[in-house]
Amino acid sequence: IPHIIIKVYSSILSYWFDIRDSFLPGTLEQYAADDG
């Protein structure tokens, strides 16, 4: 696998997580805690 693909994929993932956290602060974490 070319390293450029890995870099692009990881950067997209980090960008997505930043957006998700800004729109859903702690929602998934609270859900996991309540579920467990």
PDB file of N, CA and C in Angstrom:
ATOM      1  N   ILE A   1       0.857  -1.200   0.000  1.00  0.00           N
ATOM      2  CA  ILE A   1       0.000   0.000   0.000  1.00  0.00           C
ATOM      3  C   ILE A   1       0.887   1.242   0.000  1.00  0.00           C
ATOM      4  N   PRO A   2       0.672   2.149  -0.930  1.00  0.00           N
ATOM      5  CA  PRO A   2       1.476   3.369  -0.966  1.00  0.00           C
ATOM      6  C   PRO A   2       1.299   4.198   0.311  1.00  0.00           C
ATOM      7  N   HIS A   3       2.385   4.764   0.778  1.00  0.00           N
ATOM      8  CA  HIS A   3       2.315   5.532   2.024  1.00  0.00           C
ATOM      9  C   HIS A   3       1.428   6.768   1.874  1.00  0.00           C
ATOM     10  N   ILE A   4       1.333   7.307   0.680  1.00  0.00           N
ATOM     11  CA  ILE A   4       0.514   8.506   0.478  1.00  0.00           C
ATOM     12  C   ILE A   4      -0.948   8.199   0.787  1.00  0.00           C
ATOM     13  N   ILE A   5      -1.406   7.010   0.430  1.00  0.00           N
ATOM     14  CA  ILE A   5      -2.795   6.645   0.712  1.00  0.00           C
ATOM     15  C   ILE A   5      -3.017   6.568   2.215  1.00  0.00           C
ATOM     16  N   ILE A   6      -2.056   6.006   2.921  1.00  0.00           N
ATOM     17  CA  ILE A   6      -2.184   5.916   4.376  1.00  0.00           C
ATOM     18  C   ILE A   6      -2.223   7.307   5.000  1.00  0.00           C
ATOM     19  N   LYS A   7      -1.381   8.214   4.494  1.00  0.00           N
ATOM     20  CA  LYS A   7      -1.359   9.574   5.040  1.00  0.00           C
ATOM     21  C   LYS A   7      -2.691  10.276   4.776  1.00  0.00           C
ATOM     22  N   VAL A   8      -3.196  10.150   3.558  1.00  0.00           N
ATOM     23  CA  VAL A   8      -4.463  10.799   3.221  1.00  0.00           C
ATOM     24  C   VAL A   8      -5.597  10.225   4.063  1.00  0.00           C
ATOM     25  N   TYR A   9      -5.620   8.905   4.198  1.00  0.00           N
ATOM     26  CA  TYR A   9      -6.691   8.258   4.966  1.00  0.00           C
ATOM     27  C   TYR A   9      -6.646   8.688   6.421  1.00  0.00           C
ATOM     28  N   SER A  10      -5.455   8.722   7.010  1.00  0.00           N
ATOM     29  CA  SER A  10      -5.336   9.106   8.422  1.00  0.00           C
ATOM     30  C   SER A  10      -5.723  10.573   8.630  1.00  0.00           C
ATOM     31  N   SER A  11      -5.348  11.425   7.668  1.00  0.00           N
ATOM     32  CA  SER A  11      -5.695  12.840   7.800  1.00  0.00           C
ATOM     33  C   SER A  11      -7.206  13.040   7.676  1.00  0.00           C
ATOM     34  N   ILE A  12      -7.845  12.284   6.789  1.00  0.00           N
ATOM     35  CA  ILE A  12      -9.300  12.366   6.651  1.00  0.00           C
ATOM     36  C   ILE A  12      -9.971  11.892   7.937  1.00  0.00           C
ATOM     37  N   LEU A  13      -9.467  10.811   8.508  1.00  0.00           N
ATOM     38  CA  LEU A  13     -10.047  10.306   9.752  1.00  0.00           C
ATOM     39  C   LEU A  13      -9.930  11.339  10.868  1.00  0.00           C
ATOM     40  N   SER A  14      -8.754  11.922  11.032  1.00  0.00           N
ATOM     41  CA  SER A  14      -8.566  12.912  12.097  1.00  0.00           C
ATOM     42  C   SER A  14      -9.462  14.129  11.856  1.00  0.00           C
ATOM     43  N   TYR A  15      -9.594  14.547  10.580  1.00  0.00           N
ATOM     44  CA  TYR A  15     -10.457  15.677  10.241  1.00  0.00           C
ATOM     45  C   TYR A  15     -11.909  15.359  10.576  1.00  0.00           C
ATOM     46  N   TRP A  16     -12.357  14.137  10.255  1.00  0.00           N
ATOM     47  CA  TRP A  16     -13.728  13.733  10.526  1.00  0.00           C
ATOM     48  C   TRP A  16     -14.005  13.692  12.021  1.00  0.00           C
ATOM     49  N   PHE A  17     -13.031  13.167  12.804  1.00  0.00           N
ATOM     50  CA  PHE A  17     -13.229  13.089  14.245  1.00  0.00           C
ATOM     51  C   PHE A  17     -13.288  14.491  14.855  1.00  0.00           C
ATOM     52  N   ASP A  18     -12.514  15.415  14.314  1.00  0.00           N
ATOM     53  CA  ASP A  18     -12.572  16.791  14.820  1.00  0.00           C
ATOM     54  C   ASP A  18     -13.947  17.400  14.563  1.00  0.00           C
ATOM     55  N   ILE A  19     -14.492  17.175  13.368  1.00  0.00           N
ATOM     56  CA  ILE A  19     -15.817  17.696  13.044  1.00  0.00           C
ATOM     57  C   ILE A  19     -16.873  17.037  13.924  1.00  0.00           C
ATOM     58  N   ARG A  20     -16.800  15.728  14.062  1.00  0.00           N
ATOM     59  CA  ARG A  20     -17.780  14.996  14.859  1.00  0.00           C
ATOM     60  C   ARG A  20     -17.764  15.477  16.311  1.00  0.00           C
ATOM     61  N   ASP A  21     -16.560  15.685  16.858  1.00  0.00           N
ATOM     62  CA  ASP A  21     -16.474  16.132  18.244  1.00  0.00           C
ATOM     63  C   ASP A  21     -17.035  17.547  18.402  1.00  0.00           C
ATOM     64  N   SER A  22     -16.866  18.382  17.383  1.00  0.00           N
ATOM     65  CA  SER A  22     -17.365  19.746  17.484  1.00  0.00           C
ATOM     66  C   SER A  22     -18.894  19.778  17.408  1.00  0.00           C
ATOM     67  N   PHE A  23     -19.481  18.848  16.652  1.00  0.00           N
ATOM     68  CA  PHE A  23     -20.940  18.821  16.538  1.00  0.00           C
ATOM     69  C   PHE A  23     -21.594  17.953  17.610  1.00  0.00           C
ATOM     70  N   LEU A  24     -20.909  16.875  18.023  1.00  0.00           N
ATOM     71  CA  LEU A  24     -21.468  15.974  19.027  1.00  0.00           C
ATOM     72  C   LEU A  24     -20.506  15.855  20.199  1.00  0.00           C
ATOM     73  N   PRO A  25     -20.438  16.862  21.070  1.00  0.00           N
ATOM     74  CA  PRO A  25     -19.486  16.818  22.177  1.00  0.00           C
ATOM     75  C   PRO A  25     -19.867  15.780  23.226  1.00  0.00           C
ATOM     76  N   GLY A  26     -19.089  14.696  23.288  1.00  0.00           N
ATOM     77  CA  GLY A  26     -19.287  13.706  24.339  1.00  0.00           C
ATOM     78  C   GLY A  26     -20.497  12.814  24.154  1.00  0.00           C
ATOM     79  N   THR A  27     -21.201  12.901  23.020  1.00  0.00           N
ATOM     80  CA  THR A  27     -22.416  12.108  22.861  1.00  0.00           C
ATOM     81  C   THR A  27     -22.102  10.617  22.822  1.00  0.00           C
ATOM     82  N   LEU A  28     -21.148  10.218  21.978  1.00  0.00           N
ATOM     83  CA  LEU A  28     -20.825   8.801  21.865  1.00  0.00           C
ATOM     84  C   LEU A  28     -20.205   8.279  23.151  1.00  0.00           C
ATOM     85  N   GLU A  29     -19.412   9.089  23.809  1.00  0.00           N
ATOM     86  CA  GLU A  29     -18.794   8.649  25.055  1.00  0.00           C
ATOM     87  C   GLU A  29     -19.852   8.433  26.130  1.00  0.00           C
ATOM     88  N   GLN A  30     -20.809   9.342  26.230  1.00  0.00           N
ATOM     89  CA  GLN A  30     -21.870   9.194  27.222  1.00  0.00           C
ATOM     90  C   GLN A  30     -22.729   7.972  26.901  1.00  0.00           C
ATOM     91  N   TYR A  31     -22.997   7.743  25.627  1.00  0.00           N
ATOM     92  CA  TYR A  31     -23.802   6.596  25.227  1.00  0.00           C
ATOM     93  C   TYR A  31     -23.106   5.295  25.601  1.00  0.00           C
ATOM     94  N   ALA A  32     -21.796   5.244  25.355  1.00  0.00           N
ATOM     95  CA  ALA A  32     -21.037   4.042  25.692  1.00  0.00           C
ATOM     96  C   ALA A  32     -21.027   3.835  27.206  1.00  0.00           C
ATOM     97  N   ALA A  33     -20.882   4.914  27.961  1.00  0.00           N
ATOM     98  CA  ALA A  33     -20.848   4.792  29.415  1.00  0.00           C
ATOM     99  C   ALA A  33     -22.210   4.331  29.938  1.00  0.00           C
ATOM    100  N   ASP A  34     -23.289   4.888  29.409  1.00  0.00           N
ATOM    101  CA  ASP A  34     -24.624   4.485  29.863  1.00  0.00           C
ATOM    102  C   ASP A  34     -24.930   3.050  29.468  1.00  0.00           C
ATOM    103  N   ASP A  35     -24.468   2.662  28.281  1.00  0.00           N
ATOM    104  CA  ASP A  35     -24.746   1.317  27.793  1.00  0.00           C
ATOM    105  C   ASP A  35     -23.984   0.276  28.605  1.00  0.00           C
ATOM    106  N   GLY A  36     -22.760   0.636  29.031  1.00  0.00           N
ATOM    107  CA  GLY A  36     -21.939  -0.318  29.750  1.00  0.00           C
ATOM    108  C   GLY A  36     -22.281  -0.335  31.223  1.00  0.00           C
TER     109      GLY A  36
END
